Amino acid sequence: MFTGNVTHKLDPKSRLAIPAGWRAAQGVELSIIDAMSDGYPILKCYTREAFAEKIMQIRVQSEARGIDPGDIDRYIGIITGRSIQAEVSSQGKLLIPKAQRERTKLTDTATIVGRGSYFEIWAPADFEAVNSPEAIAKLELDKLFHILS
């Protein structure tokens, strides 16, 4: 279970230290997907098993809604086409490829955010922007549950 968030420096080889509590991912192959969140570029990191499960959920839920099978295949194709495979090293580090680093505006630091079954990698300024008190105040669910504000 990936929970919490931390900001770490990227080392000179563009590797990012994964939080110690997540080291169960060590040696595990990850699927890293170029994605967007709240208009900001991010990287979503799934274990191989969680990625396969997510793809299956998309297929099953889409079929249940009667979505055209060709559209489902195209959507899954876009997701898999945007993903790369990477492995957490024995030192607990994940290599962030140059193209993904540039697209997400990662320079010398990155914020790693747990999302339960996966984690995200953000540019620290972008993560701070979506978690500002002003941004949280706009969330309809928080207006209902009042957990964050």
N, C-alpha and C. Protein backbone atom coordinates (compact mmCIF):
# COMPACT_ATOMS: atom_id res chain seq x y z
N MET A 1 0.85 -1.17 0.00
CA MET A 1 0.00 0.00 0.00
C MET A 1 0.89 1.23 0.00
N PHE A 2 0.74 2.08 -1.00
CA PHE A 2 1.54 3.30 -1.12
C PHE A 2 0.76 4.46 -0.50
N THR A 3 1.26 5.00 0.61
CA THR A 3 0.60 6.12 1.27
C THR A 3 1.63 7.19 1.63
N GLY A 4 1.17 8.40 1.82
CA GLY A 4 2.03 9.50 2.20
C GLY A 4 2.65 10.17 1.00
N ASN A 5 3.50 11.17 1.27
CA ASN A 5 4.25 11.83 0.20
C ASN A 5 5.56 12.33 0.75
N VAL A 6 6.54 12.41 -0.14
CA VAL A 6 7.87 12.85 0.24
C VAL A 6 8.53 13.48 -0.98
N THR A 7 9.35 14.49 -0.75
CA THR A 7 10.12 15.10 -1.83
C THR A 7 11.57 14.69 -1.66
N HIS A 8 12.14 14.15 -2.74
CA HIS A 8 13.53 13.69 -2.74
C HIS A 8 14.29 14.34 -3.90
N LYS A 9 15.59 14.42 -3.73
CA LYS A 9 16.46 14.87 -4.82
C LYS A 9 16.68 13.72 -5.79
N LEU A 10 16.79 14.04 -7.07
CA LEU A 10 17.23 13.07 -8.06
C LEU A 10 18.75 13.04 -8.01
N ASP A 11 19.33 11.87 -8.11
CA ASP A 11 20.78 11.79 -8.10
C ASP A 11 21.32 12.18 -9.48
N PRO A 12 22.64 12.30 -9.65
CA PRO A 12 23.20 12.73 -10.94
C PRO A 12 22.83 11.82 -12.12
N LYS A 13 22.44 10.59 -11.84
CA LYS A 13 22.05 9.66 -12.92
C LYS A 13 20.54 9.67 -13.16
N SER A 14 19.83 10.65 -12.58
CA SER A 14 18.38 10.81 -12.74
C SER A 14 17.60 9.68 -12.07
N ARG A 15 18.14 9.21 -10.94
CA ARG A 15 17.43 8.18 -10.17
C ARG A 15 16.80 8.83 -8.95
N LEU A 16 15.65 8.30 -8.58
CA LEU A 16 14.87 8.82 -7.47
C LEU A 16 14.75 7.76 -6.39
N ALA A 17 15.10 8.12 -5.15
CA ALA A 17 14.98 7.18 -4.04
C ALA A 17 13.51 6.97 -3.71
N ILE A 18 13.11 5.73 -3.64
CA ILE A 18 11.75 5.37 -3.27
C ILE A 18 11.68 5.31 -1.74
N PRO A 19 10.61 5.82 -1.11
CA PRO A 19 10.54 5.81 0.35
C PRO A 19 10.79 4.42 0.95
N ALA A 20 11.48 4.41 2.09
CA ALA A 20 11.86 3.16 2.73
C ALA A 20 10.66 2.26 3.00
N GLY A 21 9.54 2.83 3.40
CA GLY A 21 8.34 2.04 3.68
C GLY A 21 7.76 1.37 2.45
N TRP A 22 8.18 1.80 1.28
CA TRP A 22 7.69 1.22 0.03
C TRP A 22 8.71 0.27 -0.57
N ARG A 23 9.73 -0.08 0.16
CA ARG A 23 10.81 -0.89 -0.39
C ARG A 23 10.38 -2.29 -0.77
N ALA A 24 9.13 -2.67 -0.44
CA ALA A 24 8.62 -3.95 -0.93
C ALA A 24 8.59 -3.93 -2.44
N ALA A 25 8.59 -2.71 -3.03
CA ALA A 25 8.62 -2.58 -4.49
C ALA A 25 10.03 -2.80 -5.03
N GLN A 26 11.02 -2.91 -4.14
CA GLN A 26 12.40 -3.09 -4.55
C GLN A 26 12.55 -4.35 -5.40
N GLY A 27 13.21 -4.21 -6.54
CA GLY A 27 13.41 -5.34 -7.43
C GLY A 27 12.17 -5.66 -8.25
N VAL A 28 11.10 -4.92 -8.03
CA VAL A 28 9.85 -5.16 -8.72
C VAL A 28 9.82 -4.32 -9.99
N GLU A 29 9.31 -4.90 -11.07
CA GLU A 29 9.15 -4.14 -12.30
C GLU A 29 7.91 -3.27 -12.19
N LEU A 30 8.08 -2.02 -12.57
CA LEU A 30 6.98 -1.06 -12.54
C LEU A 30 6.58 -0.66 -13.95
N SER A 31 5.32 -0.34 -14.11
CA SER A 31 4.84 0.30 -15.33
C SER A 31 4.65 1.76 -14.99
N ILE A 32 5.36 2.62 -15.71
CA ILE A 32 5.30 4.06 -15.47
C ILE A 32 4.55 4.68 -16.64
N ILE A 33 3.47 5.39 -16.33
CA ILE A 33 2.60 5.94 -17.35
C ILE A 33 2.65 7.46 -17.32
N ASP A 34 2.89 8.06 -18.49
CA ASP A 34 2.75 9.51 -18.62
C ASP A 34 1.27 9.84 -18.49
N ALA A 35 0.94 10.70 -17.55
CA ALA A 35 -0.47 11.03 -17.30
C ALA A 35 -0.60 12.50 -16.93
N MET A 36 -1.82 12.91 -16.66
CA MET A 36 -2.12 14.26 -16.21
C MET A 36 -2.98 14.17 -14.96
N SER A 37 -2.83 15.16 -14.09
CA SER A 37 -3.69 15.27 -12.91
C SER A 37 -3.92 16.75 -12.65
N ASP A 38 -5.18 17.15 -12.66
CA ASP A 38 -5.53 18.56 -12.45
C ASP A 38 -4.80 19.49 -13.42
N GLY A 39 -4.55 18.99 -14.62
CA GLY A 39 -3.86 19.80 -15.63
C GLY A 39 -2.35 19.78 -15.55
N TYR A 40 -1.78 19.03 -14.62
CA TYR A 40 -0.34 18.95 -14.45
C TYR A 40 0.18 17.61 -14.95
N PRO A 41 1.36 17.60 -15.61
CA PRO A 41 1.93 16.32 -16.04
C PRO A 41 2.52 15.57 -14.85
N ILE A 42 2.20 14.28 -14.78
CA ILE A 42 2.71 13.43 -13.70
C ILE A 42 3.11 12.09 -14.28
N LEU A 43 3.74 11.28 -13.46
CA LEU A 43 4.02 9.89 -13.79
C LEU A 43 3.27 9.02 -12.79
N LYS A 44 2.49 8.06 -13.30
CA LYS A 44 1.82 7.10 -12.44
C LYS A 44 2.63 5.81 -12.49
N CYS A 45 2.94 5.27 -11.32
CA CYS A 45 3.79 4.09 -11.22
C CYS A 45 3.02 2.93 -10.59
N TYR A 46 2.80 1.89 -11.38
CA TYR A 46 2.07 0.70 -10.94
C TYR A 46 3.01 -0.48 -10.92
N THR A 47 2.83 -1.40 -9.96
CA THR A 47 3.53 -2.67 -10.06
C THR A 47 2.95 -3.40 -11.27
N ARG A 48 3.65 -4.39 -11.75
CA ARG A 48 3.17 -5.14 -12.92
C ARG A 48 1.77 -5.70 -12.66
N GLU A 49 1.56 -6.23 -11.46
CA GLU A 49 0.28 -6.83 -11.12
C GLU A 49 -0.83 -5.77 -11.05
N ALA A 50 -0.53 -4.64 -10.42
CA ALA A 50 -1.53 -3.57 -10.30
C ALA A 50 -1.87 -2.98 -11.66
N PHE A 51 -0.87 -2.90 -12.55
CA PHE A 51 -1.11 -2.38 -13.89
C PHE A 51 -2.02 -3.32 -14.67
N ALA A 52 -1.74 -4.62 -14.61
CA ALA A 52 -2.59 -5.60 -15.29
C ALA A 52 -4.01 -5.56 -14.75
N GLU A 53 -4.15 -5.40 -13.44
CA GLU A 53 -5.47 -5.32 -12.82
C GLU A 53 -6.21 -4.06 -13.28
N LYS A 54 -5.50 -2.93 -13.38
CA LYS A 54 -6.11 -1.68 -13.83
C LYS A 54 -6.62 -1.82 -15.26
N ILE A 55 -5.82 -2.41 -16.12
CA ILE A 55 -6.22 -2.61 -17.52
C ILE A 55 -7.45 -3.51 -17.57
N MET A 56 -7.48 -4.55 -16.75
CA MET A 56 -8.63 -5.45 -16.72
C MET A 56 -9.87 -4.71 -16.23
N GLN A 57 -9.73 -3.87 -15.20
CA GLN A 57 -10.86 -3.08 -14.69
C GLN A 57 -11.42 -2.16 -15.78
N ILE A 58 -10.54 -1.55 -16.53
CA ILE A 58 -10.97 -0.66 -17.61
C ILE A 58 -11.79 -1.45 -18.63
N ARG A 59 -11.27 -2.61 -19.00
CA ARG A 59 -11.96 -3.44 -20.00
C ARG A 59 -13.33 -3.90 -19.48
N VAL A 60 -13.36 -4.44 -18.28
CA VAL A 60 -14.61 -4.98 -17.73
C VAL A 60 -15.65 -3.88 -17.53
N GLN A 61 -15.25 -2.76 -16.93
CA GLN A 61 -16.20 -1.68 -16.68
C GLN A 61 -16.68 -1.04 -17.99
N SER A 62 -15.80 -0.93 -18.96
CA SER A 62 -16.19 -0.36 -20.25
C SER A 62 -17.15 -1.27 -20.98
N GLU A 63 -16.87 -2.58 -20.97
CA GLU A 63 -17.77 -3.53 -21.62
C GLU A 63 -19.14 -3.52 -20.95
N ALA A 64 -19.16 -3.42 -19.61
CA ALA A 64 -20.42 -3.39 -18.88
C ALA A 64 -21.26 -2.16 -19.24
N ARG A 65 -20.60 -1.10 -19.64
CA ARG A 65 -21.30 0.12 -20.04
C ARG A 65 -21.65 0.13 -21.53
N GLY A 66 -21.31 -0.95 -22.23
CA GLY A 66 -21.65 -1.05 -23.64
C GLY A 66 -20.76 -0.23 -24.57
N ILE A 67 -19.57 0.11 -24.11
CA ILE A 67 -18.65 0.89 -24.95
C ILE A 67 -18.13 0.00 -26.07
N ASP A 68 -17.99 0.58 -27.24
CA ASP A 68 -17.53 -0.14 -28.42
C ASP A 68 -16.18 -0.82 -28.14
N PRO A 69 -16.06 -2.12 -28.45
CA PRO A 69 -14.79 -2.83 -28.19
C PRO A 69 -13.59 -2.19 -28.88
N GLY A 70 -13.79 -1.60 -30.05
CA GLY A 70 -12.68 -0.91 -30.72
C GLY A 70 -12.21 0.30 -29.94
N ASP A 71 -13.16 1.04 -29.34
CA ASP A 71 -12.79 2.19 -28.52
C ASP A 71 -12.04 1.75 -27.27
N ILE A 72 -12.48 0.64 -26.70
CA ILE A 72 -11.79 0.11 -25.51
C ILE A 72 -10.36 -0.25 -25.87
N ASP A 73 -10.19 -0.96 -26.98
CA ASP A 73 -8.84 -1.35 -27.42
C ASP A 73 -7.97 -0.13 -27.70
N ARG A 74 -8.54 0.90 -28.33
CA ARG A 74 -7.77 2.11 -28.61
C ARG A 74 -7.34 2.80 -27.31
N TYR A 75 -8.26 2.90 -26.36
CA TYR A 75 -7.94 3.54 -25.09
C TYR A 75 -6.84 2.78 -24.35
N ILE A 76 -7.00 1.47 -24.26
CA ILE A 76 -5.97 0.65 -23.61
C ILE A 76 -4.65 0.77 -24.37
N GLY A 77 -4.72 0.85 -25.68
CA GLY A 77 -3.52 1.02 -26.49
C GLY A 77 -2.80 2.32 -26.20
N ILE A 78 -3.57 3.38 -25.98
CA ILE A 78 -2.96 4.66 -25.63
C ILE A 78 -2.25 4.55 -24.28
N ILE A 79 -2.92 3.92 -23.32
CA ILE A 79 -2.33 3.76 -21.99
C ILE A 79 -1.04 2.94 -22.06
N THR A 80 -1.12 1.79 -22.70
CA THR A 80 0.08 0.94 -22.78
C THR A 80 1.16 1.59 -23.63
N GLY A 81 0.76 2.37 -24.63
CA GLY A 81 1.73 3.08 -25.46
C GLY A 81 2.45 4.19 -24.73
N ARG A 82 1.81 4.73 -23.71
CA ARG A 82 2.43 5.79 -22.90
C ARG A 82 3.21 5.23 -21.72
N SER A 83 3.20 3.94 -21.55
CA SER A 83 3.88 3.36 -20.39
C SER A 83 5.26 2.83 -20.77
N ILE A 84 6.13 2.87 -19.80
CA ILE A 84 7.45 2.27 -19.94
C ILE A 84 7.65 1.33 -18.76
N GLN A 85 8.55 0.40 -18.91
CA GLN A 85 8.87 -0.52 -17.83
C GLN A 85 10.15 -0.06 -17.15
N ALA A 86 10.16 -0.13 -15.84
CA ALA A 86 11.33 0.25 -15.06
C ALA A 86 11.39 -0.63 -13.83
N GLU A 87 12.54 -0.67 -13.20
CA GLU A 87 12.70 -1.50 -12.02
C GLU A 87 13.33 -0.70 -10.89
N VAL A 88 12.83 -0.92 -9.68
CA VAL A 88 13.43 -0.31 -8.51
C VAL A 88 14.72 -1.09 -8.22
N SER A 89 15.84 -0.38 -8.15
CA SER A 89 17.14 -1.04 -7.98
C SER A 89 17.30 -1.62 -6.58
N SER A 90 18.35 -2.38 -6.39
CA SER A 90 18.63 -2.95 -5.08
C SER A 90 18.95 -1.87 -4.05
N GLN A 91 19.30 -0.66 -4.52
CA GLN A 91 19.53 0.48 -3.62
C GLN A 91 18.23 1.25 -3.36
N GLY A 92 17.10 0.76 -3.90
CA GLY A 92 15.82 1.42 -3.67
C GLY A 92 15.60 2.64 -4.54
N LYS A 93 16.26 2.69 -5.71
CA LYS A 93 16.14 3.86 -6.59
C LYS A 93 15.46 3.48 -7.89
N LEU A 94 14.74 4.45 -8.44
CA LEU A 94 14.02 4.29 -9.70
C LEU A 94 14.59 5.29 -10.70
N LEU A 95 15.02 4.79 -11.85
CA LEU A 95 15.54 5.65 -12.91
C LEU A 95 14.38 6.33 -13.61
N ILE A 96 14.43 7.66 -13.69
CA ILE A 96 13.43 8.43 -14.42
C ILE A 96 14.02 8.78 -15.78
N PRO A 97 13.52 8.17 -16.86
CA PRO A 97 14.07 8.47 -18.19
C PRO A 97 13.96 9.96 -18.54
N LYS A 98 14.89 10.41 -19.37
CA LYS A 98 14.99 11.83 -19.71
C LYS A 98 13.67 12.38 -20.26
N ALA A 99 13.02 11.68 -21.18
CA ALA A 99 11.79 12.20 -21.79
C ALA A 99 10.70 12.41 -20.72
N GLN A 100 10.56 11.47 -19.79
CA GLN A 100 9.56 11.61 -18.74
C GLN A 100 9.96 12.71 -17.75
N ARG A 101 11.25 12.81 -17.48
CA ARG A 101 11.73 13.86 -16.57
C ARG A 101 11.44 15.24 -17.15
N GLU A 102 11.68 15.41 -18.44
CA GLU A 102 11.45 16.70 -19.08
C GLU A 102 9.96 17.02 -19.16
N ARG A 103 9.14 16.04 -19.51
CA ARG A 103 7.71 16.29 -19.67
C ARG A 103 7.06 16.69 -18.35
N THR A 104 7.52 16.09 -17.26
CA THR A 104 6.95 16.40 -15.94
C THR A 104 7.65 17.56 -15.24
N LYS A 105 8.60 18.19 -15.93
CA LYS A 105 9.34 19.35 -15.40
C LYS A 105 10.13 19.02 -14.14
N LEU A 106 10.65 17.79 -14.07
CA LEU A 106 11.48 17.42 -12.92
C LEU A 106 12.88 17.95 -13.17
N THR A 107 13.41 18.67 -12.21
CA THR A 107 14.77 19.17 -12.35
C THR A 107 15.66 18.39 -11.39
N ASP A 108 15.85 18.92 -10.20
CA ASP A 108 16.71 18.23 -9.24
C ASP A 108 15.93 17.53 -8.13
N THR A 109 14.61 17.78 -8.05
CA THR A 109 13.79 17.14 -7.02
C THR A 109 12.47 16.64 -7.62
N ALA A 110 11.85 15.72 -6.91
CA ALA A 110 10.55 15.18 -7.31
C ALA A 110 9.76 14.85 -6.04
N THR A 111 8.46 15.00 -6.13
CA THR A 111 7.58 14.62 -5.02
C THR A 111 6.92 13.30 -5.38
N ILE A 112 7.02 12.34 -4.48
CA ILE A 112 6.45 11.01 -4.66
C ILE A 112 5.21 10.94 -3.77
N VAL A 113 4.07 10.57 -4.37
CA VAL A 113 2.79 10.61 -3.66
C VAL A 113 2.13 9.24 -3.71
N GLY A 114 1.85 8.65 -2.56
CA GLY A 114 1.17 7.37 -2.50
C GLY A 114 -0.30 7.51 -2.83
N ARG A 115 -0.80 6.59 -3.63
CA ARG A 115 -2.22 6.59 -4.02
C ARG A 115 -2.85 5.22 -3.78
N GLY A 116 -2.37 4.52 -2.78
CA GLY A 116 -2.93 3.21 -2.47
C GLY A 116 -2.23 2.12 -3.27
N SER A 117 -2.83 1.73 -4.38
CA SER A 117 -2.27 0.63 -5.17
C SER A 117 -1.19 1.09 -6.14
N TYR A 118 -0.94 2.39 -6.23
CA TYR A 118 0.11 2.91 -7.10
C TYR A 118 0.65 4.19 -6.47
N PHE A 119 1.71 4.75 -7.07
CA PHE A 119 2.19 6.05 -6.62
C PHE A 119 2.43 6.95 -7.81
N GLU A 120 2.47 8.25 -7.52
CA GLU A 120 2.68 9.24 -8.56
C GLU A 120 3.97 10.00 -8.30
N ILE A 121 4.55 10.52 -9.38
CA ILE A 121 5.72 11.37 -9.28
C ILE A 121 5.35 12.72 -9.89
N TRP A 122 5.54 13.77 -9.10
CA TRP A 122 5.16 15.13 -9.46
C TRP A 122 6.36 16.06 -9.40
N ALA A 123 6.32 17.13 -10.17
CA ALA A 123 7.21 18.27 -9.93
C ALA A 123 6.73 18.88 -8.61
N PRO A 124 7.62 19.15 -7.67
CA PRO A 124 7.19 19.65 -6.36
C PRO A 124 6.28 20.89 -6.41
N ALA A 125 6.56 21.84 -7.28
CA ALA A 125 5.73 23.05 -7.36
C ALA A 125 4.31 22.71 -7.82
N ASP A 126 4.19 21.77 -8.75
CA ASP A 126 2.86 21.37 -9.22
C ASP A 126 2.07 20.69 -8.10
N PHE A 127 2.75 19.81 -7.35
CA PHE A 127 2.06 19.12 -6.25
C PHE A 127 1.61 20.12 -5.19
N GLU A 128 2.47 21.08 -4.90
CA GLU A 128 2.09 22.11 -3.91
C GLU A 128 0.89 22.91 -4.40
N ALA A 129 0.83 23.20 -5.70
CA ALA A 129 -0.28 23.99 -6.24
C ALA A 129 -1.61 23.27 -6.08
N VAL A 130 -1.66 21.97 -6.35
CA VAL A 130 -2.94 21.26 -6.25
C VAL A 130 -3.31 20.92 -4.81
N ASN A 131 -2.39 21.11 -3.89
CA ASN A 131 -2.65 20.84 -2.49
C ASN A 131 -2.68 22.10 -1.64
N SER A 132 -2.76 23.24 -2.29
CA SER A 132 -2.84 24.50 -1.54
C SER A 132 -4.21 24.60 -0.86
N PRO A 133 -4.31 25.38 0.19
CA PRO A 133 -5.62 25.56 0.83
C PRO A 133 -6.69 26.06 -0.15
N GLU A 134 -6.28 26.91 -1.10
CA GLU A 134 -7.23 27.44 -2.09
C GLU A 134 -7.74 26.33 -3.01
N ALA A 135 -6.84 25.44 -3.44
CA ALA A 135 -7.24 24.33 -4.32
C ALA A 135 -8.13 23.35 -3.57
N ILE A 136 -7.80 23.07 -2.34
CA ILE A 136 -8.61 22.14 -1.54
C ILE A 136 -9.99 22.72 -1.27
N ALA A 137 -10.05 24.03 -1.06
CA ALA A 137 -11.34 24.69 -0.80
C ALA A 137 -12.31 24.54 -1.98
N LYS A 138 -11.78 24.31 -3.18
CA LYS A 138 -12.62 24.16 -4.37
C LYS A 138 -13.14 22.74 -4.56
N LEU A 139 -12.64 21.79 -3.79
CA LEU A 139 -13.05 20.39 -3.95
C LEU A 139 -14.45 20.18 -3.39
N GLU A 140 -15.35 19.76 -4.24
CA GLU A 140 -16.73 19.52 -3.81
C GLU A 140 -16.80 18.45 -2.72
N LEU A 141 -16.00 17.39 -2.84
CA LEU A 141 -16.06 16.33 -1.83
C LEU A 141 -15.59 16.82 -0.47
N ASP A 142 -14.60 17.72 -0.46
CA ASP A 142 -14.16 18.22 0.84
C ASP A 142 -15.20 19.15 1.44
N LYS A 143 -15.98 19.82 0.58
CA LYS A 143 -17.07 20.64 1.10
C LYS A 143 -18.11 19.75 1.79
N LEU A 144 -18.22 18.53 1.31
CA LEU A 144 -19.18 17.58 1.89
C LEU A 144 -18.62 16.91 3.14
N PHE A 145 -17.35 16.44 3.08
CA PHE A 145 -16.80 15.64 4.18
C PHE A 145 -15.93 16.42 5.16
N HIS A 146 -15.39 17.56 4.79
CA HIS A 146 -14.59 18.43 5.66
C HIS A 146 -13.42 17.69 6.34
N ILE A 147 -12.73 16.88 5.58
CA ILE A 147 -11.58 16.18 6.14
C ILE A 147 -10.30 17.01 5.97
N LEU A 148 -10.16 17.68 4.84
CA LEU A 148 -8.93 18.41 4.55
C LEU A 148 -8.99 19.88 4.91
N SER A 149 -10.18 20.42 5.05
CA SER A 149 -10.27 21.85 5.35
C SER A 149 -10.90 22.09 6.71
